[in-house]
């Protein structure tokens, strides 16, 4: 069974966002990491980068495939999970905890409101 925490927002592209104030922690979902298989490399964005919604900010490489990472919201990358450079498998082991990718400081609240709830995301992956 795929883990879909209730306190997060989701995209149809299998990304999650955890909002705290004006910052949103971003990563890929448990469903996405299962589909990808064992993750062996992550190309991370740069701290300080200004990103638009849907911009490519990195790459996840697994034993099966290579997938681009796209931002679900616009803003500024204020923190990056550099632990993934040495231990990319954290995304497989802890997609919602140690496997987060970046923190984005956002300005447009309506972008968050347009993301999927846990129930809407569950319907997407059924």
Protein backbone atom coordinates (compact mmCIF):
# COMPACT_ATOMS: atom_id res chain seq x y z
CA UNK A 1 0.00 0.00 0.00
CA UNK A 2 1.31 3.41 -0.99
CA UNK A 3 1.72 6.02 1.75
CA UNK A 4 -0.22 9.28 1.13
CA UNK A 5 0.04 11.50 4.23
CA UNK A 6 -2.98 13.70 4.92
CA UNK A 7 -1.04 16.86 5.85
CA UNK A 8 0.56 17.30 2.41
CA UNK A 9 -0.50 18.66 -0.97
CA UNK A 10 0.18 16.74 -4.19
CA UNK A 11 0.48 17.07 -7.95
CA UNK A 12 -0.72 14.69 -10.64
CA UNK A 13 2.99 14.34 -11.53
CA UNK A 14 3.60 12.59 -8.18
CA UNK A 15 5.21 15.38 -6.23
CA UNK A 16 4.36 16.41 -2.68
CA UNK A 17 4.50 19.77 -0.90
CA UNK A 18 4.43 20.42 2.83
CA UNK A 19 3.51 24.03 3.56
CA UNK A 20 4.79 25.86 6.64
CA UNK A 21 4.26 29.60 6.57
CA UNK A 22 5.58 30.98 3.28
CA UNK A 23 7.84 27.98 2.69
CA UNK A 24 7.02 24.67 1.04
CA UNK A 25 9.15 21.55 1.35
CA UNK A 26 9.08 19.59 -1.90
CA UNK A 27 9.75 15.98 -2.86
CA UNK A 28 8.48 13.03 -4.87
CA UNK A 29 5.76 10.76 -3.54
CA UNK A 30 5.97 7.23 -2.22
CA UNK A 31 4.12 6.12 -5.37
CA UNK A 32 6.73 7.83 -7.59
CA UNK A 33 9.70 6.31 -5.80
CA UNK A 34 8.12 2.84 -6.04
CA UNK A 35 7.58 3.29 -9.78
CA UNK A 36 11.15 4.51 -10.28
CA UNK A 37 12.79 1.67 -8.38
CA UNK A 38 16.14 2.03 -6.63
CA UNK A 39 17.30 5.64 -6.90
CA UNK A 40 21.04 5.91 -7.57
CA UNK A 41 21.58 9.61 -8.31
CA UNK A 42 19.87 12.97 -7.72
CA UNK A 43 20.78 16.22 -9.46
CA UNK A 44 19.67 18.97 -7.10
CA UNK A 45 18.69 22.59 -7.76
CA UNK A 46 20.83 25.48 -6.52
CA UNK A 47 19.96 27.41 -3.38
CA UNK A 48 18.95 30.94 -4.32
CA UNK A 49 17.50 30.00 -7.72
CA UNK A 50 14.25 31.73 -8.68
CA UNK A 51 11.90 29.16 -10.23
CA UNK A 52 8.60 29.33 -12.05
CA UNK A 53 5.84 26.80 -11.66
CA UNK A 54 6.69 23.81 -13.86
CA UNK A 55 10.40 24.67 -14.24
CA UNK A 56 12.82 21.76 -14.40
CA UNK A 57 15.05 21.95 -11.32
CA UNK A 58 16.85 18.64 -11.30
CA UNK A 59 16.94 14.97 -12.18
CA UNK A 60 16.33 11.68 -10.39
CA UNK A 61 18.09 8.65 -11.83
CA UNK A 62 17.08 5.13 -10.88
CA UNK A 63 18.12 1.68 -12.04
CA UNK A 64 15.11 1.78 -14.39
CA UNK A 65 14.98 5.32 -15.77
CA UNK A 66 15.88 9.00 -15.53
CA UNK A 67 13.14 11.47 -14.54
CA UNK A 68 13.19 15.25 -14.55
CA UNK A 69 12.12 17.14 -11.44
CA UNK A 70 9.69 20.02 -11.96
CA UNK A 71 8.58 22.63 -9.45
CA UNK A 72 4.90 22.48 -8.49
CA UNK A 73 4.98 26.14 -7.42
CA UNK A 74 6.92 29.31 -8.24
CA UNK A 75 9.33 30.90 -5.80
CA UNK A 76 12.90 30.90 -4.57
CA UNK A 77 14.85 27.78 -3.60
CA UNK A 78 15.94 28.56 -0.03
CA UNK A 79 17.20 25.14 1.05
CA UNK A 80 18.37 21.97 -0.70
CA UNK A 81 18.72 18.47 0.76
CA UNK A 82 22.42 17.92 0.09
CA UNK A 83 22.23 14.55 1.92
CA UNK A 84 20.79 13.18 -1.33
CA UNK A 85 24.11 13.70 -3.11
CA UNK A 86 25.73 10.96 -1.01
CA UNK A 87 22.63 8.93 -0.15
CA UNK A 88 20.06 9.26 -2.97
CA UNK A 89 18.33 6.13 -1.67
CA UNK A 90 16.82 8.29 1.10
CA UNK A 91 14.07 9.05 -1.43
CA UNK A 92 13.23 5.33 -1.54
CA UNK A 93 13.56 4.84 2.21
CA UNK A 94 11.91 8.05 3.47
CA UNK A 95 10.18 9.93 0.63
CA UNK A 96 8.37 12.27 3.05
CA UNK A 97 11.10 12.71 5.65
CA UNK A 98 14.81 12.34 4.86
CA UNK A 99 14.12 12.14 1.11
CA UNK A 100 12.80 15.69 0.60
CA UNK A 101 14.45 17.56 -2.27
CA UNK A 102 14.15 21.32 -1.68
CA UNK A 103 12.40 24.08 0.23
CA UNK A 104 10.75 26.75 -1.90
CA UNK A 105 9.76 30.16 -0.53
CA UNK A 106 6.61 31.06 -2.44
CA UNK A 107 4.46 34.16 -2.81
CA UNK A 108 1.34 32.94 -4.60
CA UNK A 109 -1.01 31.28 -2.09
CA UNK A 110 -3.39 30.34 -4.91
CA UNK A 111 -0.74 27.98 -6.36
CA UNK A 112 -0.89 25.98 -3.13
CA UNK A 113 -4.70 25.97 -3.24
CA UNK A 114 -4.60 24.44 -6.75
CA UNK A 115 -2.58 21.41 -5.61
CA UNK A 116 -4.35 18.13 -4.88
CA UNK A 117 -5.49 17.01 -1.45
CA UNK A 118 -4.52 13.55 -0.22
CA UNK A 119 -7.93 12.20 -1.24
CA UNK A 120 -7.69 13.72 -4.74
CA UNK A 121 -4.18 12.32 -5.16
CA UNK A 122 -5.29 8.83 -4.06
CA UNK A 123 -7.86 8.90 -6.89
CA UNK A 124 -5.08 9.83 -9.34
CA UNK A 125 -3.02 6.76 -8.47
CA UNK A 126 -5.81 4.20 -8.19
